[in-house]
Amino acid sequence: MTERGAKVETIDTYDLGDLNSRLSFFLALLNLSTLFRPVVNLIQPLDVPEYGTIERGNGVQITFAEDCVVKTYPSSMPSDTIIRNLKNLHRQMKRHAVPNIVALRNTNMKKKHVKLAPIGQLSPPKTVSELLAALRDILQALVKLHSINLMHRDLRWENVLKYQGEGDKWFIIDFDDGAASPAAKTDHLKAKSQAPEILLDSPHSVEVRGFPLEDVKCLRSSG
């Protein structure tokens, strides 16, 4: 038992001052090294630039802290409006216990940033089983979201992350374009990943292209 309470078991001992013992030690290391590759193959990559920063195409900076994500908006974006909208949306979603969504930790108007948790893994489903599990979690969120007349409006695989260490479970992020239903059109979203009604001049609602598939139909595989 170590000072910190970890259990240690002695498998063998070697006298490195003795040639035969040294050779036996190197042989043991070689045997042990054969276990490394299978173990490495079992470890899934996090796909998270730990304590790093990435920048999206619109200039938004994403910084990964120890237990949250800090999202900072550039001066070219109406950060005050976005942050106020996020606070309102997340307040409602929390009150109504919308499942499988990112949580808003806190906001800072002066620094133009918000803190969100948990840190997810960008890992689009690779098998039919994973796809069904992801769609299950997405639909659970959307059903609840639409029942309180809220829309995400930018649902694509880049905005669906996998929980770390929780098996096949996914959650939705990035509610910057979220809105109450009905809502006016938005111009900056890409047409190929949106329901057509979102880009039209007339207001759209949760009934766009059927409930709640108007968001699910926008999902596009990166492959």
C-alpha atoms as a PDB file:
ATOM      1  CA  MET A   1       0.000   0.000   0.000  1.00  0.00           C
ATOM      2  CA  THR A   2       1.427   3.380  -0.980  1.00  0.00           C
ATOM      3  CA  GLU A   3       1.227   6.611   1.043  1.00  0.00           C
ATOM      4  CA  ARG A   4      -1.877   7.633  -0.968  1.00  0.00           C
ATOM      5  CA  GLY A   5      -3.649   4.352  -0.375  1.00  0.00           C
ATOM      6  CA  ALA A   6      -2.996   2.760  -3.769  1.00  0.00           C
ATOM      7  CA  LYS A   7      -2.573  -1.019  -3.727  1.00  0.00           C
ATOM      8  CA  VAL A   8       0.756  -2.262  -5.091  1.00  0.00           C
ATOM      9  CA  GLU A   9       1.493  -5.887  -5.892  1.00  0.00           C
ATOM     10  CA  THR A  10       5.032  -7.158  -6.499  1.00  0.00           C
ATOM     11  CA  ILE A  11       5.139  -9.548  -9.448  1.00  0.00           C
ATOM     12  CA  ASP A  12       8.865 -10.142  -9.481  1.00  0.00           C
ATOM     13  CA  THR A  13      12.145  -8.540  -8.411  1.00  0.00           C
ATOM     14  CA  TYR A  14      15.368  -8.096 -10.364  1.00  0.00           C
ATOM     15  CA  ASP A  15      18.938  -7.407  -9.313  1.00  0.00           C
ATOM     16  CA  LEU A  16      20.180  -4.977 -11.960  1.00  0.00           C
ATOM     17  CA  GLY A  17      23.723  -5.475 -10.711  1.00  0.00           C
ATOM     18  CA  ASP A  18      23.628  -9.040 -12.024  1.00  0.00           C
ATOM     19  CA  LEU A  19      23.888  -9.721 -15.786  1.00  0.00           C
ATOM     20  CA  ASN A  20      21.418 -12.616 -15.863  1.00  0.00           C
ATOM     21  CA  SER A  21      18.952 -10.658 -13.758  1.00  0.00           C
ATOM     22  CA  ARG A  22      19.270  -7.662 -16.109  1.00  0.00           C
ATOM     23  CA  LEU A  23      18.566  -9.878 -19.115  1.00  0.00           C
ATOM     24  CA  SER A  24      15.543 -11.327 -17.348  1.00  0.00           C
ATOM     25  CA  PHE A  25      14.362  -7.775 -16.594  1.00  0.00           C
ATOM     26  CA  PHE A  26      14.635  -6.726 -20.269  1.00  0.00           C
ATOM     27  CA  LEU A  27      12.775  -9.880 -21.300  1.00  0.00           C
ATOM     28  CA  ALA A  28      10.021  -9.037 -18.842  1.00  0.00           C
ATOM     29  CA  LEU A  29       9.775  -5.526 -20.314  1.00  0.00           C
ATOM     30  CA  LEU A  30       9.453  -6.971 -23.814  1.00  0.00           C
ATOM     31  CA  ASN A  31       6.685  -9.290 -22.655  1.00  0.00           C
ATOM     32  CA  LEU A  32       4.953  -6.400 -20.939  1.00  0.00           C
ATOM     33  CA  SER A  33       5.168  -4.213 -24.048  1.00  0.00           C
ATOM     34  CA  THR A  34       2.965  -6.659 -25.963  1.00  0.00           C
ATOM     35  CA  LEU A  35       0.086  -5.581 -23.721  1.00  0.00           C
ATOM     36  CA  PHE A  36       0.388  -1.882 -24.601  1.00  0.00           C
ATOM     37  CA  ARG A  37      -1.126  -2.043 -28.101  1.00  0.00           C
ATOM     38  CA  PRO A  38      -4.358  -3.829 -27.068  1.00  0.00           C
ATOM     39  CA  VAL A  39      -4.777  -1.348 -24.213  1.00  0.00           C
ATOM     40  CA  VAL A  40      -4.202   1.643 -26.514  1.00  0.00           C
ATOM     41  CA  ASN A  41      -6.798   0.293 -28.942  1.00  0.00           C
ATOM     42  CA  LEU A  42      -9.367   0.253 -26.152  1.00  0.00           C
ATOM     43  CA  ILE A  43      -8.810   3.925 -25.302  1.00  0.00           C
ATOM     44  CA  GLN A  44     -11.100   6.211 -27.283  1.00  0.00           C
ATOM     45  CA  PRO A  45      -9.669   9.597 -28.330  1.00  0.00           C
ATOM     46  CA  LEU A  46     -11.358  12.577 -26.664  1.00  0.00           C
ATOM     47  CA  ASP A  47     -11.278  14.754 -29.794  1.00  0.00           C
ATOM     48  CA  VAL A  48     -10.976  17.698 -27.415  1.00  0.00           C
ATOM     49  CA  PRO A  49      -8.007  20.087 -27.646  1.00  0.00           C
ATOM     50  CA  GLU A  50      -7.360  20.073 -23.922  1.00  0.00           C
ATOM     51  CA  TYR A  51      -6.847  23.586 -22.542  1.00  0.00           C
ATOM     52  CA  GLY A  52      -6.608  24.844 -26.129  1.00  0.00           C
ATOM     53  CA  THR A  53      -8.600  27.260 -28.278  1.00  0.00           C
ATOM     54  CA  ILE A  54     -10.286  26.771 -31.631  1.00  0.00           C
ATOM     55  CA  GLU A  55     -11.925  29.409 -33.796  1.00  0.00           C
ATOM     56  CA  ARG A  56     -15.084  28.850 -35.788  1.00  0.00           C
ATOM     57  CA  GLY A  57     -15.730  30.317 -39.213  1.00  0.00           C
ATOM     58  CA  ASN A  58     -17.829  33.133 -37.759  1.00  0.00           C
ATOM     59  CA  GLY A  59     -14.994  34.247 -35.474  1.00  0.00           C
ATOM     60  CA  VAL A  60     -16.355  32.685 -32.283  1.00  0.00           C
ATOM     61  CA  GLN A  61     -13.532  31.318 -30.116  1.00  0.00           C
ATOM     62  CA  ILE A  62     -13.995  28.090 -28.177  1.00  0.00           C
ATOM     63  CA  THR A  63     -11.638  27.597 -25.239  1.00  0.00           C
ATOM     64  CA  PHE A  64     -11.543  24.261 -23.404  1.00  0.00           C
ATOM     65  CA  ALA A  65     -11.029  24.597 -19.668  1.00  0.00           C
ATOM     66  CA  GLU A  66     -10.815  21.799 -17.115  1.00  0.00           C
ATOM     67  CA  ASP A  67     -14.553  21.224 -16.688  1.00  0.00           C
ATOM     68  CA  CYS A  68     -16.276  23.622 -19.082  1.00  0.00           C
ATOM     69  CA  VAL A  69     -16.129  25.366 -22.436  1.00  0.00           C
ATOM     70  CA  VAL A  70     -15.667  29.138 -22.692  1.00  0.00           C
ATOM     71  CA  LYS A  71     -17.312  30.570 -25.791  1.00  0.00           C
ATOM     72  CA  THR A  72     -16.158  34.097 -26.693  1.00  0.00           C
ATOM     73  CA  TYR A  73     -17.887  36.218 -29.324  1.00  0.00           C
ATOM     74  CA  PRO A  74     -16.024  38.606 -31.642  1.00  0.00           C
ATOM     75  CA  SER A  75     -16.805  42.320 -31.740  1.00  0.00           C
ATOM     76  CA  SER A  76     -18.426  41.815 -35.160  1.00  0.00           C
ATOM     77  CA  MET A  77     -21.268  39.845 -33.568  1.00  0.00           C
ATOM     78  CA  PRO A  78     -24.103  41.228 -31.400  1.00  0.00           C
ATOM     79  CA  SER A  79     -22.818  39.422 -28.317  1.00  0.00           C
ATOM     80  CA  ASP A  80     -25.138  41.195 -25.870  1.00  0.00           C
ATOM     81  CA  THR A  81     -28.209  40.088 -27.827  1.00  0.00           C
ATOM     82  CA  ILE A  82     -26.897  36.544 -28.224  1.00  0.00           C
ATOM     83  CA  ILE A  83     -26.021  36.198 -24.532  1.00  0.00           C
ATOM     84  CA  ARG A  84     -29.359  37.591 -23.373  1.00  0.00           C
ATOM     85  CA  ASN A  85     -31.141  35.160 -25.681  1.00  0.00           C
ATOM     86  CA  LEU A  86     -29.041  32.268 -24.384  1.00  0.00           C
ATOM     87  CA  LYS A  87     -29.823  33.153 -20.771  1.00  0.00           C
ATOM     88  CA  ASN A  88     -33.542  33.254 -21.536  1.00  0.00           C
ATOM     89  CA  LEU A  89     -33.515  29.970 -23.483  1.00  0.00           C
ATOM     90  CA  HIS A  90     -31.443  28.070 -20.929  1.00  0.00           C
ATOM     91  CA  ARG A  91     -33.565  29.411 -18.077  1.00  0.00           C
ATOM     92  CA  GLN A  92     -36.670  27.985 -19.723  1.00  0.00           C
ATOM     93  CA  MET A  93     -34.989  24.708 -20.682  1.00  0.00           C
ATOM     94  CA  LYS A  94     -33.731  24.202 -17.147  1.00  0.00           C
ATOM     95  CA  ARG A  95     -37.120  25.017 -15.652  1.00  0.00           C
ATOM     96  CA  HIS A  96     -38.793  22.446 -17.911  1.00  0.00           C
ATOM     97  CA  ALA A  97     -35.986  19.859 -17.527  1.00  0.00           C
ATOM     98  CA  VAL A  98     -35.166  19.522 -21.226  1.00  0.00           C
ATOM     99  CA  PRO A  99     -32.873  16.452 -21.428  1.00  0.00           C
ATOM    100  CA  ASN A 100     -29.673  15.893 -23.394  1.00  0.00           C
ATOM    101  CA  ILE A 101     -28.640  19.517 -23.865  1.00  0.00           C
ATOM    102  CA  VAL A 102     -25.599  21.551 -22.888  1.00  0.00           C
ATOM    103  CA  ALA A 103     -25.946  23.599 -19.694  1.00  0.00           C
ATOM    104  CA  LEU A 104     -25.182  27.306 -19.367  1.00  0.00           C
ATOM    105  CA  ARG A 105     -22.846  27.785 -16.387  1.00  0.00           C
ATOM    106  CA  ASN A 106     -22.548  31.586 -16.399  1.00  0.00           C
ATOM    107  CA  THR A 107     -22.254  34.609 -18.674  1.00  0.00           C
ATOM    108  CA  ASN A 108     -20.110  37.731 -18.888  1.00  0.00           C
ATOM    109  CA  MET A 109     -21.402  40.598 -21.042  1.00  0.00           C
ATOM    110  CA  LYS A 110     -18.257  42.684 -20.546  1.00  0.00           C
ATOM    111  CA  LYS A 111     -15.912  39.915 -21.695  1.00  0.00           C
ATOM    112  CA  LYS A 112     -18.417  38.774 -24.343  1.00  0.00           C
ATOM    113  CA  HIS A 113     -18.323  35.139 -23.298  1.00  0.00           C
ATOM    114  CA  VAL A 114     -20.403  32.328 -21.852  1.00  0.00           C
ATOM    115  CA  LYS A 115     -19.349  29.184 -19.997  1.00  0.00           C
ATOM    116  CA  LEU A 116     -20.990  25.885 -20.894  1.00  0.00           C
ATOM    117  CA  ALA A 117     -20.780  22.323 -19.608  1.00  0.00           C
ATOM    118  CA  PRO A 118     -20.158  19.470 -19.972  1.00  0.00           C
ATOM    119  CA  ILE A 119     -17.249  19.155 -22.377  1.00  0.00           C
ATOM    120  CA  GLY A 120     -18.401  16.733 -25.032  1.00  0.00           C
ATOM    121  CA  GLN A 121     -16.715  14.619 -27.662  1.00  0.00           C
ATOM    122  CA  LEU A 122     -17.233  15.419 -31.347  1.00  0.00           C
ATOM    123  CA  SER A 123     -17.963  11.877 -32.496  1.00  0.00           C
ATOM    124  CA  PRO A 124     -20.711  11.459 -35.110  1.00  0.00           C
ATOM    125  CA  PRO A 125     -22.301   7.989 -35.035  1.00  0.00           C
ATOM    126  CA  LYS A 126     -20.313   5.411 -36.986  1.00  0.00           C
ATOM    127  CA  THR A 127     -22.674   2.429 -36.736  1.00  0.00           C
ATOM    128  CA  VAL A 128     -26.415   1.877 -37.027  1.00  0.00           C
ATOM    129  CA  SER A 129     -26.568   1.203 -33.294  1.00  0.00           C
ATOM    130  CA  GLU A 130     -24.820   4.493 -32.490  1.00  0.00           C
ATOM    131  CA  LEU A 131     -27.025   6.351 -34.960  1.00  0.00           C
ATOM    132  CA  LEU A 132     -30.197   5.040 -33.342  1.00  0.00           C
ATOM    133  CA  ALA A 133     -28.877   5.928 -29.895  1.00  0.00           C
ATOM    134  CA  ALA A 134     -27.944   9.446 -31.033  1.00  0.00           C
ATOM    135  CA  LEU A 135     -31.339  10.003 -32.699  1.00  0.00           C
ATOM    136  CA  ARG A 136     -33.031   8.750 -29.532  1.00  0.00           C
ATOM    137  CA  ASP A 137     -31.234  11.350 -27.410  1.00  0.00           C
ATOM    138  CA  ILE A 138     -31.778  14.125 -29.978  1.00  0.00           C
ATOM    139  CA  LEU A 139     -35.485  13.368 -30.310  1.00  0.00           C
ATOM    140  CA  GLN A 140     -35.939  13.248 -26.546  1.00  0.00           C
ATOM    141  CA  ALA A 141     -34.476  16.755 -26.364  1.00  0.00           C
ATOM    142  CA  LEU A 142     -36.481  18.083 -29.321  1.00  0.00           C
ATOM    143  CA  VAL A 143     -39.796  16.685 -28.158  1.00  0.00           C
ATOM    144  CA  LYS A 144     -39.401  18.468 -24.824  1.00  0.00           C
ATOM    145  CA  LEU A 145     -37.955  21.584 -26.455  1.00  0.00           C
ATOM    146  CA  HIS A 146     -40.785  21.919 -28.944  1.00  0.00           C
ATOM    147  CA  SER A 147     -43.421  21.217 -26.303  1.00  0.00           C
ATOM    148  CA  ILE A 148     -42.443  24.535 -24.681  1.00  0.00           C
ATOM    149  CA  ASN A 149     -42.372  26.274 -28.087  1.00  0.00           C
ATOM    150  CA  LEU A 150     -38.610  26.595 -28.389  1.00  0.00           C
ATOM    151  CA  MET A 151     -36.531  25.780 -31.488  1.00  0.00           C
ATOM    152  CA  HIS A 152     -32.816  25.081 -31.920  1.00  0.00           C
ATOM    153  CA  ARG A 153     -32.695  26.052 -35.636  1.00  0.00           C
ATOM    154  CA  ASP A 154     -29.075  25.017 -36.274  1.00  0.00           C
ATOM    155  CA  LEU A 155     -29.095  21.293 -35.607  1.00  0.00           C
ATOM    156  CA  ARG A 156     -26.311  19.416 -37.414  1.00  0.00           C
ATOM    157  CA  TRP A 157     -23.731  16.838 -36.378  1.00  0.00           C
ATOM    158  CA  GLU A 158     -21.239  19.577 -35.444  1.00  0.00           C
ATOM    159  CA  ASN A 159     -23.730  20.633 -32.767  1.00  0.00           C
ATOM    160  CA  VAL A 160     -24.360  17.131 -31.419  1.00  0.00           C
ATOM    161  CA  LEU A 161     -21.666  15.879 -29.032  1.00  0.00           C
ATOM    162  CA  LYS A 162     -21.153  12.606 -27.260  1.00  0.00           C
ATOM    163  CA  TYR A 163     -20.992  12.518 -23.474  1.00  0.00           C
ATOM    164  CA  GLN A 164     -17.548  11.515 -22.259  1.00  0.00           C
ATOM    165  CA  GLY A 165     -17.460   8.245 -20.360  1.00  0.00           C
ATOM    166  CA  GLU A 166     -21.208   7.570 -20.597  1.00  0.00           C
ATOM    167  CA  GLY A 167     -21.400   5.101 -23.457  1.00  0.00           C
ATOM    168  CA  ASP A 168     -23.675   5.825 -26.399  1.00  0.00           C
ATOM    169  CA  LYS A 169     -25.239   9.039 -25.131  1.00  0.00           C
ATOM    170  CA  TRP A 170     -25.324  12.341 -27.019  1.00  0.00           C
ATOM    171  CA  PHE A 171     -26.402  15.901 -26.256  1.00  0.00           C
ATOM    172  CA  ILE A 172     -27.161  19.063 -28.236  1.00  0.00           C
ATOM    173  CA  ILE A 173     -25.010  22.205 -28.055  1.00  0.00           C
ATOM    174  CA  ASP A 174     -24.942  25.718 -29.561  1.00  0.00           C
ATOM    175  CA  PHE A 175     -28.288  27.384 -28.957  1.00  0.00           C
ATOM    176  CA  ASP A 176     -27.034  30.736 -30.288  1.00  0.00           C
ATOM    177  CA  ASP A 177     -29.722  30.699 -32.984  1.00  0.00           C
ATOM    178  CA  GLY A 178     -32.387  29.210 -30.754  1.00  0.00           C
ATOM    179  CA  ALA A 179     -35.681  31.035 -30.619  1.00  0.00           C
ATOM    180  CA  ALA A 180     -39.231  30.938 -29.362  1.00  0.00           C
ATOM    181  CA  SER A 181     -41.858  29.765 -31.826  1.00  0.00           C
ATOM    182  CA  PRO A 182     -42.889  31.391 -34.123  1.00  0.00           C
ATOM    183  CA  ALA A 183     -39.690  33.173 -35.166  1.00  0.00           C
ATOM    184  CA  ALA A 184     -38.578  35.394 -38.024  1.00  0.00           C
ATOM    185  CA  LYS A 185     -36.230  34.109 -40.713  1.00  0.00           C
ATOM    186  CA  THR A 186     -32.482  34.098 -40.205  1.00  0.00           C
ATOM    187  CA  ASP A 187     -30.008  35.004 -42.954  1.00  0.00           C
ATOM    188  CA  HIS A 188     -26.632  33.738 -41.748  1.00  0.00           C
ATOM    189  CA  LEU A 189     -27.346  30.017 -41.500  1.00  0.00           C
ATOM    190  CA  LYS A 190     -26.320  27.718 -44.363  1.00  0.00           C
ATOM    191  CA  ALA A 191     -29.224  26.761 -46.599  1.00  0.00           C
ATOM    192  CA  LYS A 192     -28.037  23.173 -47.109  1.00  0.00           C
ATOM    193  CA  SER A 193     -28.302  22.377 -43.407  1.00  0.00           C
ATOM    194  CA  GLN A 194     -31.613  24.095 -42.708  1.00  0.00           C
ATOM    195  CA  ALA A 195     -35.271  23.475 -43.341  1.00  0.00           C
ATOM    196  CA  PRO A 196     -36.271  25.855 -46.191  1.00  0.00           C
ATOM    197  CA  GLU A 197     -38.874  27.599 -44.046  1.00  0.00           C
ATOM    198  CA  ILE A 198     -36.185  28.945 -41.710  1.00  0.00           C
ATOM    199  CA  LEU A 199     -34.706  30.989 -44.558  1.00  0.00           C
ATOM    200  CA  LEU A 200     -37.998  32.327 -45.929  1.00  0.00           C
ATOM    201  CA  ASP A 201     -39.348  35.818 -45.234  1.00  0.00           C
ATOM    202  CA  SER A 202     -42.408  34.521 -43.364  1.00  0.00           C
ATOM    203  CA  PRO A 203     -42.177  33.446 -39.711  1.00  0.00           C
ATOM    204  CA  HIS A 204     -41.623  29.738 -38.972  1.00  0.00           C
ATOM    205  CA  SER A 205     -42.559  27.617 -35.991  1.00  0.00           C
ATOM    206  CA  VAL A 206     -42.009  24.204 -34.429  1.00  0.00           C
ATOM    207  CA  GLU A 207     -44.436  22.856 -37.032  1.00  0.00           C
ATOM    208  CA  VAL A 208     -41.907  23.391 -39.847  1.00  0.00           C
ATOM    209  CA  ARG A 209     -41.858  20.211 -41.967  1.00  0.00           C
ATOM    210  CA  GLY A 210     -43.483  18.155 -39.245  1.00  0.00           C
ATOM    211  CA  PHE A 211     -42.951  17.877 -35.517  1.00  0.00           C
ATOM    212  CA  PRO A 212     -40.207  17.459 -34.451  1.00  0.00           C
ATOM    213  CA  LEU A 213     -38.395  16.302 -37.607  1.00  0.00           C
ATOM    214  CA  GLU A 214     -37.777  19.799 -38.939  1.00  0.00           C
ATOM    215  CA  ASP A 215     -34.589  19.824 -36.882  1.00  0.00           C
ATOM    216  CA  VAL A 216     -33.635  16.157 -37.342  1.00  0.00           C
ATOM    217  CA  LYS A 217     -33.838  16.432 -41.142  1.00  0.00           C
ATOM    218  CA  CYS A 218     -31.070  19.043 -40.997  1.00  0.00           C
ATOM    219  CA  LEU A 219     -28.516  16.589 -39.626  1.00  0.00           C
ATOM    220  CA  ARG A 220     -25.813  15.889 -42.177  1.00  0.00           C
ATOM    221  CA  SER A 221     -23.099  13.273 -41.836  1.00  0.00           C
ATOM    222  CA  SER A 222     -19.629  14.750 -42.168  1.00  0.00           C
ATOM    223  CA  GLY A 223     -18.625  11.676 -44.171  1.00  0.00           C
END
